[in-house]
Structure formats: C-alpha cells, structure tokens
Protein backbone atom coordinates (compact mmCIF):
# COMPACT_ATOMS: atom_id res chain seq x y z
CA MET A 1 56.74 99.11 -104.59
CA GLY A 2 54.48 98.60 -101.60
CA ALA A 3 54.79 94.73 -99.00
CA THR A 4 53.51 91.77 -101.80
CA THR A 5 52.12 90.08 -99.00
CA GLY A 6 49.54 90.48 -96.07
CA VAL A 7 49.79 89.19 -93.05
CA LEU A 8 46.28 88.35 -90.87
CA LEU A 9 47.11 87.86 -87.29
CA VAL A 10 43.84 86.70 -85.81
CA ASN A 11 42.69 86.65 -82.16
CA LEU A 12 39.64 85.46 -80.40
CA GLY A 13 37.85 88.89 -79.32
CA THR A 14 37.13 90.83 -76.53
CA PRO A 15 34.34 93.18 -75.52
CA ASP A 16 34.60 97.13 -76.61
CA SER A 17 34.62 97.35 -73.35
CA PRO A 18 33.63 95.86 -69.97
CA ALA A 19 30.28 97.06 -69.73
CA VAL A 20 27.13 95.34 -70.16
CA GLY A 21 26.48 96.57 -72.90
CA ASP A 22 29.56 95.68 -74.94
CA VAL A 23 29.47 92.60 -73.37
CA ARG A 24 26.56 91.39 -74.20
CA PRO A 25 26.91 91.26 -77.90
CA TYR A 26 30.19 90.31 -78.05
CA LEU A 27 28.79 87.00 -76.15
CA SER A 28 26.19 86.57 -78.33
CA GLN A 29 28.58 86.67 -81.58
CA PHE A 30 31.05 84.22 -79.74
CA LEU A 31 28.36 81.68 -77.85
CA ASN A 32 26.04 81.81 -81.80
CA ASP A 33 28.78 80.76 -83.60
CA PRO A 34 28.24 77.25 -85.14
CA ARG A 35 31.10 76.26 -84.54
CA VAL A 36 31.17 76.86 -80.58
CA ILE A 37 28.13 75.54 -79.98
CA ASP A 38 27.96 72.69 -82.03
CA ILE A 39 24.24 72.38 -81.30
CA PRO A 40 21.42 72.19 -84.40
CA TRP A 41 20.55 76.14 -85.10
CA LEU A 42 17.12 76.62 -83.28
CA SER A 43 18.73 74.86 -80.17
CA ARG A 44 21.76 76.71 -80.37
CA LYS A 45 19.75 80.05 -80.61
CA VAL A 46 17.60 79.63 -77.60
CA LEU A 47 20.36 78.32 -75.27
CA VAL A 48 22.18 81.25 -76.63
CA ASN A 49 19.62 84.25 -76.93
CA LEU A 50 17.61 83.60 -74.06
CA VAL A 51 19.07 81.15 -71.41
CA ILE A 52 23.11 82.20 -71.19
CA VAL A 53 23.49 85.60 -72.69
CA PRO A 54 20.75 87.56 -70.42
CA PHE A 55 22.37 85.57 -67.60
CA ARG A 56 25.63 86.18 -68.08
CA ALA A 57 26.52 89.05 -69.44
CA PRO A 58 25.85 91.09 -66.19
CA LYS A 59 28.03 88.65 -64.42
CA SER A 60 31.29 88.58 -67.51
CA SER A 61 31.18 92.21 -67.32
CA ALA A 62 32.17 92.29 -63.76
CA ILE A 63 34.82 89.95 -64.55
CA TYR A 64 36.12 91.96 -67.67
CA LYS A 65 36.20 95.20 -65.03
CA LYS A 66 39.14 93.53 -63.21
CA LEU A 67 40.85 92.23 -66.26
CA TRP A 68 40.60 95.99 -67.69
CA THR A 69 43.50 97.96 -67.45
CA ASP A 70 44.02 101.61 -68.55
CA LYS A 71 45.30 100.57 -72.01
CA GLY A 72 42.24 98.14 -72.23
CA SER A 73 41.52 94.98 -73.25
CA PRO A 74 45.12 92.89 -72.63
CA LEU A 75 44.09 90.42 -75.28
CA LEU A 76 44.27 93.39 -77.44
CA TYR A 77 46.81 95.19 -76.94
CA HIS A 78 49.19 92.44 -76.46
CA SER A 79 48.02 91.46 -80.06
CA GLU A 80 48.30 94.83 -81.01
CA ASN A 81 51.81 94.97 -79.97
CA ALA A 82 52.90 91.63 -80.87
CA GLY A 83 51.74 92.29 -84.96
CA LYS A 84 53.59 95.77 -84.55
CA LEU A 85 56.82 93.82 -83.99
CA LEU A 86 55.69 90.99 -86.32
CA GLN A 87 56.77 93.94 -88.66
CA GLN A 88 59.35 95.65 -88.10
CA SER A 89 61.08 91.94 -88.08
CA LEU A 90 59.85 90.92 -91.11
CA GLY A 91 60.49 94.64 -92.89
CA PRO A 92 58.66 96.70 -95.57
CA ASP A 93 57.64 93.58 -98.35
CA PHE A 94 55.10 92.43 -95.53
CA GLY A 95 52.01 94.37 -94.51
CA VAL A 96 51.47 93.19 -91.11
CA HIS A 97 47.36 93.23 -90.00
CA LEU A 98 45.12 91.93 -86.96
CA ALA A 99 41.81 91.17 -86.74
CA MET A 100 39.74 89.70 -83.65
CA ARG A 101 37.14 86.80 -85.15
CA TYR A 102 34.38 88.31 -82.84
CA LYS A 103 33.81 91.76 -82.12
CA ASN A 104 36.71 94.65 -83.32
CA PRO A 105 38.65 95.13 -85.27
CA SER A 106 36.72 92.49 -87.02
CA VAL A 107 37.63 90.35 -89.98
CA PRO A 108 35.47 91.76 -92.57
CA ASP A 109 36.81 95.12 -91.52
CA VAL A 110 40.09 94.52 -91.53
CA LEU A 111 40.17 92.50 -94.87
CA GLU A 112 38.75 95.21 -96.22
CA GLU A 113 41.83 97.13 -95.77
CA MET A 114 43.77 94.16 -96.89
CA ARG A 115 41.73 93.70 -100.12
CA LYS A 116 42.49 97.51 -100.92
CA ARG A 117 46.18 96.94 -100.23
CA ASN A 118 46.26 94.03 -103.67
CA TYR A 119 48.10 92.28 -101.74
CA LYS A 120 49.59 89.50 -104.08
CA THR A 121 50.10 86.83 -100.69
CA ILE A 122 47.59 86.93 -97.95
CA VAL A 123 48.95 84.20 -94.92
CA VAL A 124 46.51 83.65 -92.65
CA LEU A 125 47.40 82.89 -88.87
CA PRO A 126 45.13 82.55 -86.57
CA MET A 127 46.77 82.60 -83.25
CA PHE A 128 45.57 79.88 -81.69
CA PRO A 129 48.55 76.73 -80.80
CA GLN A 130 46.83 73.62 -81.18
CA TYR A 131 43.98 73.26 -83.67
CA ALA A 132 40.42 73.46 -82.61
CA SER A 133 37.29 73.86 -85.14
CA ALA A 134 36.04 76.14 -82.08
CA SER A 135 38.91 78.12 -82.75
CA THR A 136 41.33 78.07 -85.53
CA GLY A 137 38.28 76.67 -87.56
CA SER A 138 36.31 79.01 -86.41
CA ALA A 139 38.99 82.33 -87.38
CA VAL A 140 39.89 80.35 -91.20
CA GLN A 141 36.28 80.08 -92.33
CA GLU A 142 35.09 83.64 -91.61
CA VAL A 143 38.32 84.44 -93.54
CA MET A 144 36.97 82.42 -96.27
CA ASP A 145 33.52 83.54 -97.16
CA VAL A 146 35.01 86.78 -96.60
CA ILE A 147 37.46 86.70 -99.39
CA SER A 148 35.67 83.95 -100.99
CA LYS A 149 33.14 87.47 -102.34
CA TRP A 150 35.70 89.51 -103.59
CA TRP A 151 36.45 90.18 -107.75
CA VAL A 152 39.53 88.97 -107.30
CA ILE A 153 41.52 86.68 -104.70
CA PRO A 154 44.90 86.28 -104.69
CA GLN A 155 47.13 83.19 -103.06
CA ILE A 156 45.43 82.10 -99.66
CA LYS A 157 48.52 80.81 -97.10
CA VAL A 158 46.75 79.19 -94.35
CA VAL A 159 48.86 78.28 -90.97
CA SER A 160 47.22 76.13 -89.10
CA GLN A 161 48.54 75.09 -85.71
CA TYR A 162 51.51 75.41 -84.49
CA TYR A 163 51.40 73.13 -81.60
CA ASP A 164 55.38 71.69 -81.75
CA HIS A 165 56.89 75.14 -83.64
CA PRO A 166 60.23 74.50 -81.35
CA LEU A 167 60.71 78.58 -81.59
CA PHE A 168 56.76 78.38 -79.77
CA ILE A 169 58.42 75.69 -77.42
CA ASP A 170 61.53 77.19 -76.56
CA ALA A 171 59.49 80.87 -75.94
CA PHE A 172 57.12 79.42 -73.24
CA VAL A 173 60.39 77.70 -71.68
CA GLN A 174 62.08 81.00 -71.39
CA ARG A 175 59.14 82.42 -69.62
CA ALA A 176 59.04 79.49 -67.35
CA ARG A 177 62.55 79.95 -66.51
CA GLN A 178 61.80 82.83 -64.57
CA TYR A 179 60.51 80.30 -61.38
CA ASP A 180 61.59 78.41 -59.56
CA ILE A 181 60.59 75.26 -61.24
CA SER A 182 61.76 72.75 -58.48
CA SER A 183 60.14 74.75 -55.12
CA TYR A 184 57.24 73.87 -56.71
CA ASP A 185 54.69 71.31 -55.11
CA HIS A 186 53.21 70.02 -58.59
CA ILE A 187 52.75 72.05 -62.10
CA LEU A 188 50.03 72.71 -63.98
CA PHE A 189 49.33 72.70 -68.29
CA SER A 190 46.16 74.03 -68.32
CA TYR A 191 43.74 74.09 -71.93
CA HIS A 192 40.96 76.07 -72.53
CA GLY A 193 38.49 72.97 -72.84
CA LEU A 194 36.35 71.62 -75.03
CA PRO A 195 33.24 69.52 -75.72
CA LYS A 196 34.29 66.22 -76.04
CA ARG A 197 31.84 65.76 -79.15
CA GLN A 198 33.98 68.38 -81.07
CA VAL A 199 36.71 66.41 -80.38
CA ASP A 200 35.00 62.77 -81.36
CA LYS A 201 34.37 64.36 -84.52
CA VAL A 202 37.81 64.93 -85.65
CA HIS A 203 38.57 61.54 -85.72
CA LEU A 204 37.24 59.38 -88.33
CA SER A 205 36.07 56.93 -85.63
CA GLY A 206 34.71 59.03 -84.20
CA VAL A 207 35.73 58.47 -81.00
CA CYS A 208 38.99 60.44 -79.52
CA LYS A 209 41.09 57.77 -78.06
CA ASP A 210 43.47 56.80 -75.33
CA ASN A 211 46.25 56.85 -77.29
CA CYS A 212 46.08 60.33 -78.21
CA MET A 213 47.12 61.41 -74.29
CA HIS A 214 50.25 59.68 -75.40
CA GLU A 215 51.12 60.34 -79.37
CA VAL A 216 50.21 62.24 -82.36
CA ASN A 217 50.15 60.11 -85.29
CA GLU A 218 48.39 60.92 -88.68
CA GLU A 219 45.00 59.98 -87.84
CA ASN A 220 44.92 62.45 -85.03
CA LYS A 221 47.14 64.98 -85.69
CA PHE A 222 44.86 67.27 -85.74
CA CYS A 223 42.81 66.01 -82.27
CA TYR A 224 42.75 69.16 -79.77
CA ARG A 225 43.52 66.57 -76.80
CA ALA A 226 46.28 65.43 -78.79
CA THR A 227 49.09 68.02 -79.46
CA CYS A 228 47.26 69.45 -76.11
CA TYR A 229 49.37 66.34 -74.61
CA ALA A 230 52.01 66.96 -76.92
CA THR A 231 52.51 70.00 -76.04
CA THR A 232 52.66 69.77 -72.72
CA ARG A 233 55.56 66.80 -73.48
CA LEU A 234 57.56 69.11 -75.02
CA LEU A 235 57.67 71.72 -72.49
CA ALA A 236 57.83 69.19 -69.68
CA GLY A 237 60.95 67.90 -71.75
CA GLN A 238 62.61 71.38 -72.57
CA LEU A 239 61.97 72.04 -68.81
CA GLY A 240 63.06 68.79 -67.12
CA ILE A 241 59.74 68.19 -65.51
CA SER A 242 58.92 64.82 -65.07
CA SER A 243 55.10 62.89 -65.65
CA ASP A 244 54.59 62.43 -62.19
CA ARG A 245 54.59 65.93 -61.13
CA TYR A 246 52.64 67.84 -63.14
CA THR A 247 49.27 66.87 -64.73
CA VAL A 248 47.37 67.66 -67.50
CA CYS A 249 43.85 69.55 -67.26
CA PHE A 250 41.60 71.61 -68.76
CA GLN A 251 39.59 75.26 -67.91
CA SER A 252 36.85 76.49 -68.79
CA ARG A 253 33.22 74.12 -69.37
CA LEU A 254 30.67 74.75 -69.52
CA ASP A 255 29.02 71.44 -69.11
CA GLU A 256 30.16 68.14 -67.70
CA LYS A 257 30.97 66.73 -71.09
CA TRP A 258 34.00 68.36 -71.79
CA LEU A 259 36.86 67.21 -71.62
CA GLN A 260 38.70 65.94 -68.09
CA PRO A 261 40.16 66.66 -66.00
CA PHE A 262 39.12 69.83 -65.35
CA SER A 263 41.50 72.38 -63.60
CA ASP A 264 39.45 73.53 -61.09
CA LYS A 265 39.55 70.41 -59.69
CA VAL A 266 43.02 69.11 -59.81
CA VAL A 267 43.88 72.95 -58.42
CA GLU A 268 41.24 71.73 -55.40
CA GLU A 269 42.67 67.96 -55.26
CA CYS A 270 46.20 69.86 -55.25
CA ALA A 271 45.15 72.01 -52.22
CA LYS A 272 43.26 69.01 -50.38
CA LYS A 273 46.51 67.06 -50.41
CA GLY A 274 48.63 68.94 -48.53
CA MET A 275 50.73 71.18 -51.91
CA LYS A 276 51.12 74.82 -50.88
CA LYS A 277 52.77 76.23 -54.21
CA ILE A 278 51.44 75.02 -58.09
CA LEU A 279 52.86 76.47 -60.92
CA VAL A 280 50.37 77.13 -63.80
CA PHE A 281 51.06 77.00 -67.52
CA SER A 282 48.18 78.14 -70.01
CA PRO A 283 49.57 76.87 -73.15
CA ALA A 284 46.13 77.21 -75.70
CA PHE A 285 46.26 81.13 -75.11
CA THR A 286 49.50 83.40 -77.08
CA ALA A 287 48.13 86.37 -74.95
CA ASP A 288 47.12 86.95 -71.82
CA CYS A 289 43.16 87.19 -71.32
CA LEU A 290 40.61 86.95 -68.98
CA GLU A 291 40.85 82.84 -68.87
CA THR A 292 44.70 83.09 -67.61
CA VAL A 293 44.89 86.42 -65.84
CA ILE A 294 41.42 86.09 -64.06
CA GLU A 295 40.70 82.37 -63.85
CA ILE A 296 44.15 81.29 -62.77
CA GLY A 297 45.40 84.12 -61.86
CA ASP A 298 42.53 85.20 -59.37
CA GLU A 299 39.42 82.51 -59.07
CA TYR A 300 42.39 79.10 -58.75
CA GLN A 301 44.46 81.26 -56.51
CA HIS A 302 41.01 82.14 -54.49
CA LEU A 303 40.19 77.92 -54.67
CA PHE A 304 43.27 76.66 -53.52
CA LYS A 305 43.33 78.69 -50.77
CA GLU A 306 39.79 77.97 -49.72
CA ASN A 307 41.03 74.37 -49.38
CA GLY A 308 44.25 74.86 -47.39
CA GLY A 309 46.74 75.76 -50.23
CA ASP A 310 49.27 79.24 -50.40
CA LYS A 311 50.11 80.33 -53.70
CA VAL A 312 49.20 79.18 -57.60
CA GLN A 313 51.55 80.72 -60.04
CA LEU A 314 50.67 81.55 -63.43
CA VAL A 315 53.34 81.71 -66.73
CA GLU A 316 52.70 84.59 -67.93
CA SER A 317 51.51 83.88 -71.63
CA LEU A 318 54.33 84.89 -74.78
CA ASN A 319 52.20 88.66 -75.24
CA ASP A 320 55.44 90.22 -76.48
CA HIS A 321 58.13 88.04 -75.57
CA PRO A 322 61.32 88.50 -78.88
CA THR A 323 61.38 84.46 -79.50
CA TRP A 324 57.26 84.36 -80.04
CA ILE A 325 57.91 87.17 -82.25
CA LYS A 326 60.27 85.09 -83.97
CA CYS A 327 58.47 82.42 -84.18
CA LEU A 328 55.40 84.49 -86.06
CA GLU A 329 58.41 85.21 -88.30
CA ASP A 330 59.19 81.90 -89.23
CA LEU A 331 55.36 80.27 -89.29
CA VAL A 332 55.11 83.35 -91.88
CA ARG A 333 57.94 83.55 -93.99
CA THR A 334 57.84 79.50 -94.01
CA ALA A 335 54.39 78.98 -94.50
C-alpha cells in the first residue's frame, strides 16, 4: 500500500540560473503577484514590466552570480535536502514534495504529480515561519487555485505559521550557540521587509499598533510585525540576550513606506557608534538565500566596514539542521 498523505513544502523561489535571461522571468512572475505588489492591476503592470524588471534584472543577475554554487541555488538545494530528510523521518505513509512559488519546480507541476498519487490527504506547509500575505498567503492561494480545478479534491490541511513552535526556536538557538554571543557588541534580528500597508490590512482597525511590538493577541495573531517581534523575544529569551543588546529590524525594502527600522540603517548606526562586531539572525528564512548570504553576509559586511566596524557575522539559516527536520515532522503530523 502506498503513501496516503502527501506533504507539499513550498518555498519562495529562485531563477533557474543566474543569467539575465532566467532572472528576468523570475522577477516578472514574482513582482507581478498582486499579493506581493498590492496596487491596482494596470499600475502594477506598468511599474513591474516597464520599470522594475528591465532595470533590475541585470543587477539581480550579477548578485545571483555571487550567490550561485556548484550545486546551484542555495535556496533550492537546501530546501530539497530538507525535503529528503523529512521524507526519511516521516516514513512510507507520507510522500514529501517540494515546490517553489515562483519558477521551478513549479506549484502546478508538483501538484499534478501529487494528483496522480491519489493521496487521501495533502498537507500544505509553506516554509515561512511568520504569516504574511505576500509569502504564505500567496503560496496557499496558488495551491488552492490549482487544486480547486481537480475533479477529486482530497482533504487539505494548511500550516499557516509556526514562528513560536518550540523546535523551530530551538533549531535557531542551536545554530546561534556555535558563536560566543557575549563577544558581540550588538545583535540584530533582521526580518524580510513588507510595505506597512500590507501589515495594516491584517488589522480590523486598519492600523498596526505599537502593541504589536510587545505582544501577540487574538487581534494581531496574523500580523507579520507582531510575530516577528514575538520570534525575537522567544529567541532572545532562550539565548539570554537582554533587550538592550538587540534590535529588531527589516531588510530588502523597495521604498521608505516599508516596516522600520531598516536593517542596513541599523548596521550603519552600529558602526558609527563604535561597535566592531555584530551578530545577525534572519529568522524569517528557513534556508540560506540571496537575502542572507549576499545581503547580510556580503553587503552589510561592506557597509559595516565602510563606517568603521569590523565584522558582521550571519547566523546561518536552518537549512537541513536535524532539529528543523524534527520541527517539520511535528508540523506535518499535528496538522
């Protein structure tokens, strides 16, 4: 008897190669997603297709060339490896599949393979710890759009977020303990940025309030800012880092209307205050990628040194850490 439960891991995505010809369609698919750039259709098409992609593709291609390894895209091969290890942990009653929200392996192609397996249940597990419409919401919508066209729709279970799962926190804690945290002048918890308007939309009042930086409650339980701060409190608590020794910040912004403080500005300020060593977590990512390896490990390192600092140390993402695989297994089994 074959597997009865299919598991669909979904990560963000990656170009097929760092060549401009592959980066361009990746950026186009990504940025034309209305959950990513949530402005009117025509405005988005003009902005993305006539302004952002033509000018950004060559620059992004150069950055992806720095990121690429002999094994290809780190985001893809780390995610693939996690999927293989999860399959081993779950055993023959489960079938684990990996898709990328943008480009390959595509959600429609992977779901077609899963449809042919005729699973009784499918567990959809986006690999984003904190819910955001632009990440988890987009992945789930794409999956549901495809499955809704099937003649037979099996039982579907969705894991929407797991920022506070004890094994998720413990996996990052174990990653961090390879460093002497007390030797760093400051610690940054840097999360991927979002337009503030997208965070505001989560709230019935239409405004993300300052209490989101201090607590998660029934109103803000799906607020990205609230869960990022909650993730930080959990990690800092486990690692014994006092609140005066760390800063929560947000990276990869497109304009000034995104969540603040901005990570690059915090890095610059730390250097100008005379700090020489900073340690940076990026707990919105479960696999190392452009935003961790290049943006933090390379670009922030240069920025820090330019302003008088010495070393920006990135705490690696979870990748295929054994505790992370246990976390994924528990999320699947308890979905």
